[in-house]
Protein backbone atom coordinates (compact mmCIF):
# COMPACT_ATOMS: atom_id res chain seq x y z
CA MET A 1 -0.16 -37.11 2.26
CA CYS A 2 3.28 -35.86 3.26
CA GLU A 3 4.69 -38.06 5.99
CA PRO A 4 6.83 -36.53 8.74
CA GLU A 5 10.53 -37.28 8.71
CA PRO A 6 11.74 -40.02 11.06
CA LEU A 7 13.06 -38.68 14.33
CA ASP A 8 16.69 -39.46 13.56
CA ALA A 9 16.46 -37.48 10.29
CA ARG A 10 15.24 -34.26 11.84
CA PRO A 11 17.68 -31.38 12.31
CA GLN A 12 19.22 -30.85 15.69
CA GLY A 13 19.47 -27.47 17.39
CA ALA A 14 16.14 -26.28 16.08
CA PHE A 15 16.16 -23.28 18.43
CA ASP A 16 19.58 -22.15 17.23
CA VAL A 17 19.91 -18.68 15.69
CA ALA A 18 23.71 -18.55 15.67
CA GLY A 19 25.14 -16.88 12.58
CA ARG A 20 21.84 -15.41 11.44
CA VAL A 21 21.61 -11.75 10.47
CA VAL A 22 18.71 -10.17 12.34
CA VAL A 23 17.56 -6.60 11.68
CA LEU A 24 15.94 -5.24 14.83
CA THR A 25 14.10 -1.93 14.57
CA GLY A 26 13.57 0.01 17.77
CA GLY A 27 16.66 -1.84 18.93
CA ALA A 28 17.63 0.77 21.53
CA GLY A 29 14.25 0.85 23.28
CA LEU A 30 13.20 -0.74 26.55
CA LEU A 31 12.49 -4.18 25.12
CA GLY A 32 14.59 -3.73 21.98
CA THR A 33 17.72 -3.60 24.12
CA GLU A 34 16.72 -6.89 25.77
CA TYR A 35 16.11 -8.49 22.37
CA ALA A 36 19.46 -7.27 21.06
CA TRP A 37 21.31 -8.71 24.05
CA ALA A 38 19.51 -12.05 23.95
CA LEU A 39 19.93 -12.58 20.21
CA SER A 40 23.56 -11.52 20.27
CA LEU A 41 24.21 -13.85 23.21
CA ALA A 42 22.64 -16.64 21.13
CA GLY A 43 25.13 -15.98 18.35
CA ALA A 44 23.08 -13.88 15.94
CA HIS A 45 24.48 -10.90 14.06
CA VAL A 46 22.20 -8.14 15.32
CA VAL A 47 21.58 -4.92 13.42
CA VAL A 48 20.40 -2.37 15.98
CA ALA A 49 18.27 0.07 13.98
CA ASP A 50 16.90 3.01 15.94
CA VAL A 51 16.03 6.66 15.39
CA ASP A 52 18.26 7.51 18.38
CA ALA A 53 21.70 7.10 16.82
CA ALA A 54 23.65 7.46 20.07
CA ALA A 55 21.49 4.94 21.92
CA ALA A 56 21.74 2.45 19.04
CA ALA A 57 25.52 2.78 19.11
CA ARG A 58 25.60 2.15 22.86
CA VAL A 59 23.47 -0.97 22.55
CA ALA A 60 25.50 -2.37 19.66
CA ALA A 61 28.75 -1.68 21.52
CA GLY A 62 27.47 -3.29 24.70
CA VAL A 63 25.96 -6.56 23.49
CA PRO A 64 28.01 -9.76 23.78
CA GLY A 65 28.49 -10.22 20.01
CA ALA A 66 31.48 -8.37 18.56
CA ASP A 67 29.89 -7.72 15.16
CA ALA A 68 26.61 -6.07 16.18
CA LEU A 69 25.91 -3.13 13.92
CA ALA A 70 24.17 0.13 14.84
CA VAL A 71 22.31 1.92 12.04
CA PRO A 72 20.46 5.22 12.70
CA THR A 73 17.04 4.65 11.14
CA ASP A 74 13.73 6.47 11.01
CA VAL A 75 11.31 3.72 10.01
CA ALA A 76 8.69 6.32 9.04
CA ASP A 77 11.05 7.71 6.37
CA PRO A 78 11.18 5.55 3.21
CA SER A 79 14.64 6.80 2.24
CA SER A 80 16.00 5.96 5.70
CA VAL A 81 14.64 2.42 5.46
CA VAL A 82 16.13 1.94 1.99
CA GLU A 83 19.47 3.14 3.35
CA LEU A 84 19.20 0.67 6.24
CA ALA A 85 18.70 -2.17 3.77
CA ARG A 86 21.69 -1.02 1.72
CA ILE A 87 23.98 -0.82 4.77
CA VAL A 88 22.97 -4.27 5.98
CA ARG A 89 23.45 -5.77 2.53
CA GLU A 90 26.94 -4.28 2.26
CA ALA A 91 27.91 -5.30 5.80
CA PHE A 92 26.66 -8.89 5.80
CA GLY A 93 25.63 -9.82 2.26
CA ARG A 94 22.32 -11.24 3.40
CA VAL A 95 19.44 -10.87 5.87
CA ASP A 96 17.83 -13.81 7.66
CA ALA A 97 15.25 -12.05 9.82
CA LEU A 98 13.48 -8.75 10.35
CA VAL A 99 12.00 -7.84 13.72
CA ASN A 100 9.61 -4.90 13.41
CA ASN A 101 9.84 -3.62 16.96
CA ALA A 102 9.96 0.18 16.53
CA ALA A 103 6.93 1.90 18.03
CA LEU A 104 5.65 5.05 19.64
CA ASP A 105 4.19 3.79 22.92
CA PRO A 106 2.60 6.21 25.38
CA LYS A 107 4.38 5.27 28.60
CA PHE A 108 2.76 5.07 32.01
CA ASP A 109 5.86 4.85 34.15
CA ALA A 110 6.10 7.20 37.10
CA ALA A 111 7.70 9.96 35.02
CA SER A 112 5.28 9.85 32.07
CA ALA A 113 1.82 8.83 33.25
CA ALA A 114 0.56 12.35 33.98
CA ALA A 115 1.19 13.43 30.38
CA HIS A 116 -1.68 11.39 28.92
CA THR A 117 -4.81 13.39 29.63
CA ASP A 118 -6.50 13.71 26.21
CA ASP A 119 -9.81 11.92 26.00
CA PHE A 120 -10.76 10.41 22.65
CA GLU A 121 -12.86 13.37 21.53
CA ARG A 122 -9.88 15.71 21.79
CA PHE A 123 -7.05 13.39 20.80
CA PRO A 124 -4.70 15.33 18.47
CA LEU A 125 -4.65 14.34 14.81
CA ALA A 126 -0.92 14.99 14.71
CA ALA A 127 -0.32 12.38 17.41
CA TRP A 128 -2.57 9.93 15.57
CA ASN A 129 -0.65 10.40 12.31
CA ALA A 130 2.74 10.15 14.00
CA ALA A 131 1.89 6.82 15.61
CA LEU A 132 0.51 5.40 12.38
CA ALA A 133 3.68 6.46 10.56
CA VAL A 134 6.04 4.72 12.99
CA ASN A 135 4.08 1.78 14.35
CA LEU A 136 2.34 0.58 11.21
CA THR A 137 3.73 2.29 8.12
CA GLY A 138 7.24 1.72 9.47
CA ALA A 139 6.67 -2.03 9.58
CA PHE A 140 5.19 -1.90 6.08
CA LEU A 141 8.21 -0.02 4.71
CA CYS A 142 10.72 -2.34 6.38
CA ALA A 143 8.93 -5.43 5.13
CA GLN A 144 8.98 -4.02 1.60
CA ALA A 145 12.65 -3.12 1.76
CA PHE A 146 13.86 -6.43 3.17
CA ALA A 147 11.47 -8.84 1.43
CA PRO A 148 13.81 -9.65 -1.50
CA ALA A 149 16.70 -10.59 0.80
CA LEU A 150 14.43 -12.49 3.17
CA LEU A 151 12.92 -14.45 0.28
CA ALA A 152 16.40 -15.38 -0.91
CA ALA A 153 17.28 -16.60 2.59
CA ARG A 154 13.89 -18.26 3.19
CA GLY A 155 13.89 -16.11 6.30
CA THR A 156 11.32 -14.75 8.69
CA ILE A 157 9.63 -11.55 9.85
CA VAL A 158 8.41 -11.01 13.39
CA ASN A 159 6.11 -8.06 14.03
CA VAL A 160 6.08 -7.08 17.71
CA GLY A 161 2.48 -6.40 18.68
CA SER A 162 0.75 -5.99 22.02
CA THR A 163 -2.14 -7.43 23.95
CA TYR A 164 -3.76 -4.06 23.24
CA GLY A 165 -3.81 -5.09 19.60
CA LEU A 166 -6.06 -8.01 20.57
CA VAL A 167 -8.22 -6.41 23.26
CA GLY A 168 -9.01 -2.83 24.16
CA PRO A 169 -7.14 -1.04 26.95
CA ASP A 170 -8.61 -1.36 30.40
CA GLN A 171 -8.72 2.35 31.20
CA ARG A 172 -9.30 1.60 34.89
CA LEU A 173 -5.60 0.75 35.14
CA TYR A 174 -4.62 4.34 34.53
CA ASP A 175 -6.90 5.93 37.14
CA ASP A 176 -4.66 6.62 40.11
CA GLY A 177 -7.49 7.98 42.26
CA SER A 178 -6.17 11.55 42.13
CA GLY A 179 -9.07 12.78 40.01
CA ALA A 180 -6.67 13.87 37.24
CA PRO A 181 -7.59 12.30 33.88
CA ARG A 182 -5.22 9.64 32.62
CA VAL A 183 -6.07 7.82 29.40
CA LYS A 184 -4.25 5.21 27.33
CA PRO A 185 -4.46 6.84 23.86
CA PRO A 186 -6.17 5.09 20.93
CA THR A 187 -3.11 5.04 18.68
CA TYR A 188 -1.29 2.16 20.35
CA SER A 189 -4.25 -0.22 20.20
CA VAL A 190 -5.16 0.68 16.64
CA THR A 191 -1.64 0.40 15.25
CA LYS A 192 -0.90 -2.86 17.07
CA ALA A 193 -4.16 -4.33 15.77
CA GLY A 194 -3.06 -3.20 12.32
CA LEU A 195 0.20 -5.10 12.77
CA VAL A 196 -1.79 -8.29 13.32
CA GLY A 197 -3.54 -7.67 10.00
CA LEU A 198 -0.23 -6.96 8.27
CA THR A 199 1.22 -10.15 9.75
CA ARG A 200 -1.58 -12.28 8.36
CA TYR A 201 -1.50 -10.57 4.98
CA LEU A 202 2.24 -11.07 4.54
CA ALA A 203 2.08 -14.65 5.82
CA ALA A 204 -0.52 -15.51 3.20
CA TYR A 205 1.24 -13.54 0.47
CA TYR A 206 4.71 -15.02 0.98
CA GLY A 207 3.90 -18.44 2.42
CA GLU A 208 4.43 -20.51 -0.71
CA ARG A 209 7.79 -18.81 -1.25
CA GLY A 210 9.07 -19.85 2.16
CA LEU A 211 9.04 -16.51 4.00
CA ARG A 212 7.35 -16.92 7.38
CA VAL A 213 5.69 -13.95 9.12
CA ASN A 214 4.44 -14.07 12.71
CA ALA A 215 3.59 -11.66 15.51
CA LEU A 216 4.98 -11.66 19.02
CA VAL A 217 2.29 -10.29 21.35
CA PRO A 218 3.72 -9.21 24.71
CA GLY A 219 1.89 -7.91 27.75
CA GLY A 220 3.09 -5.19 30.09
CA ALA A 221 6.68 -5.19 31.32
CA TYR A 222 7.70 -3.40 34.49
CA ALA A 223 9.56 -0.15 33.83
CA ASP A 224 9.56 2.08 36.90
CA HIS A 225 5.78 2.14 37.20
CA ASP A 226 4.39 3.46 40.46
CA ASP A 227 3.23 0.94 43.05
CA GLY A 228 -0.44 1.65 42.47
CA PHE A 229 -0.20 0.91 38.76
CA VAL A 230 1.73 -2.29 39.42
CA ARG A 231 -0.96 -3.45 41.87
CA ARG A 232 -3.78 -2.67 39.45
CA TYR A 233 -2.04 -4.34 36.53
CA SER A 234 -1.06 -7.39 38.58
CA SER A 235 -4.62 -7.89 39.84
CA ARG A 236 -5.79 -8.00 36.23
CA THR A 237 -3.32 -10.78 35.28
CA PRO A 238 -3.68 -14.49 36.16
CA LEU A 239 0.02 -14.77 37.02
CA GLY A 240 -0.42 -11.81 39.37
CA ARG A 241 2.47 -9.66 38.19
CA MET A 242 3.94 -7.62 35.35
CA ALA A 243 6.57 -9.18 33.11
CA ARG A 244 10.28 -8.78 33.56
CA ARG A 245 11.84 -7.14 30.53
CA ASP A 246 13.76 -10.30 29.62
CA GLU A 247 10.74 -12.61 29.63
CA TYR A 248 9.87 -12.10 25.95
CA CYS A 249 13.31 -12.93 24.59
CA GLY A 250 12.83 -16.69 24.50
CA ALA A 251 9.60 -16.36 22.54
CA LEU A 252 11.28 -14.08 20.01
CA GLN A 253 14.21 -16.45 19.57
CA PHE A 254 11.74 -19.31 19.06
CA LEU A 255 9.90 -17.43 16.30
CA LEU A 256 13.18 -16.61 14.57
CA SER A 257 14.45 -20.19 14.75
CA ASP A 258 13.74 -23.38 12.83
CA ALA A 259 11.75 -24.59 15.83
CA ALA A 260 8.92 -22.39 14.47
CA SER A 261 9.30 -23.67 10.90
CA TYR A 262 5.61 -24.60 10.62
CA MET A 263 4.34 -21.32 12.08
CA THR A 264 3.23 -18.43 9.92
CA GLY A 265 0.44 -15.91 10.28
CA ALA A 266 0.31 -16.66 14.00
CA CYS A 267 0.19 -14.47 17.09
CA LEU A 268 2.37 -15.83 19.89
CA VAL A 269 0.82 -14.27 23.01
CA VAL A 270 3.09 -13.92 26.05
CA ASP A 271 1.07 -11.90 28.52
CA GLY A 272 0.91 -13.68 31.87
CA GLY A 273 -2.65 -14.70 30.99
CA TRP A 274 -3.95 -11.15 30.50
CA THR A 275 -6.11 -12.09 27.51
CA ALA A 276 -7.30 -15.34 29.10
CA TRP A 277 -10.11 -13.59 31.01
């Protein structure tokens, strides 16, 4: 049996990510921006990959690290992902981590909630295919493109999932009492559940070669939701509130660091207790 190292022989600074090259897809989104800031502040070299080129450039220019890199990327386009890998390789010479964060997420903030009225029987096939392409195929393509570099670095992949990849949406949350139909579409749940499967597959496939693959599973973060939605969501959560946008950053840094060196194929759930009942 392999004995653990004595305490004085174990590496210090296990949570440190300073100097690591982290490719972050969806890096200009609501939570992606928070991740980019937190990782850059911790000393990582962050590659902000996003389909919105201008937004990616703003995030990269605004984070604390001077060498953050913005790369316009459509994760659903294989050639765009290959180009991302080439640019990162030329800029840094290596990759230590990939965070598959890009996703199409039907928003229910005050400005967007009324747009989601399609019940399952009439949900458009085009919307289904678009979400699969970005949320699931995009992660697949990025993992393929960066696997050789990550294997060389004995690095890590983090797939950003959702509690809705573990449990079905509680559609009661979206009923604002107005009588107008509001439905959380099926695509988000299905694609995030697929990410859990991809995480476990890759963890098993690459484990013996030292590439760790885990999933970060966040709950709902406040983003200008109306008061009624916030009350309904909060009542459904043991901690009694939605998350702040920065409250997932520590969990992500942990998964990217050596502190998680014995974790692979795992789902780290950070949801205020949502899935506990």
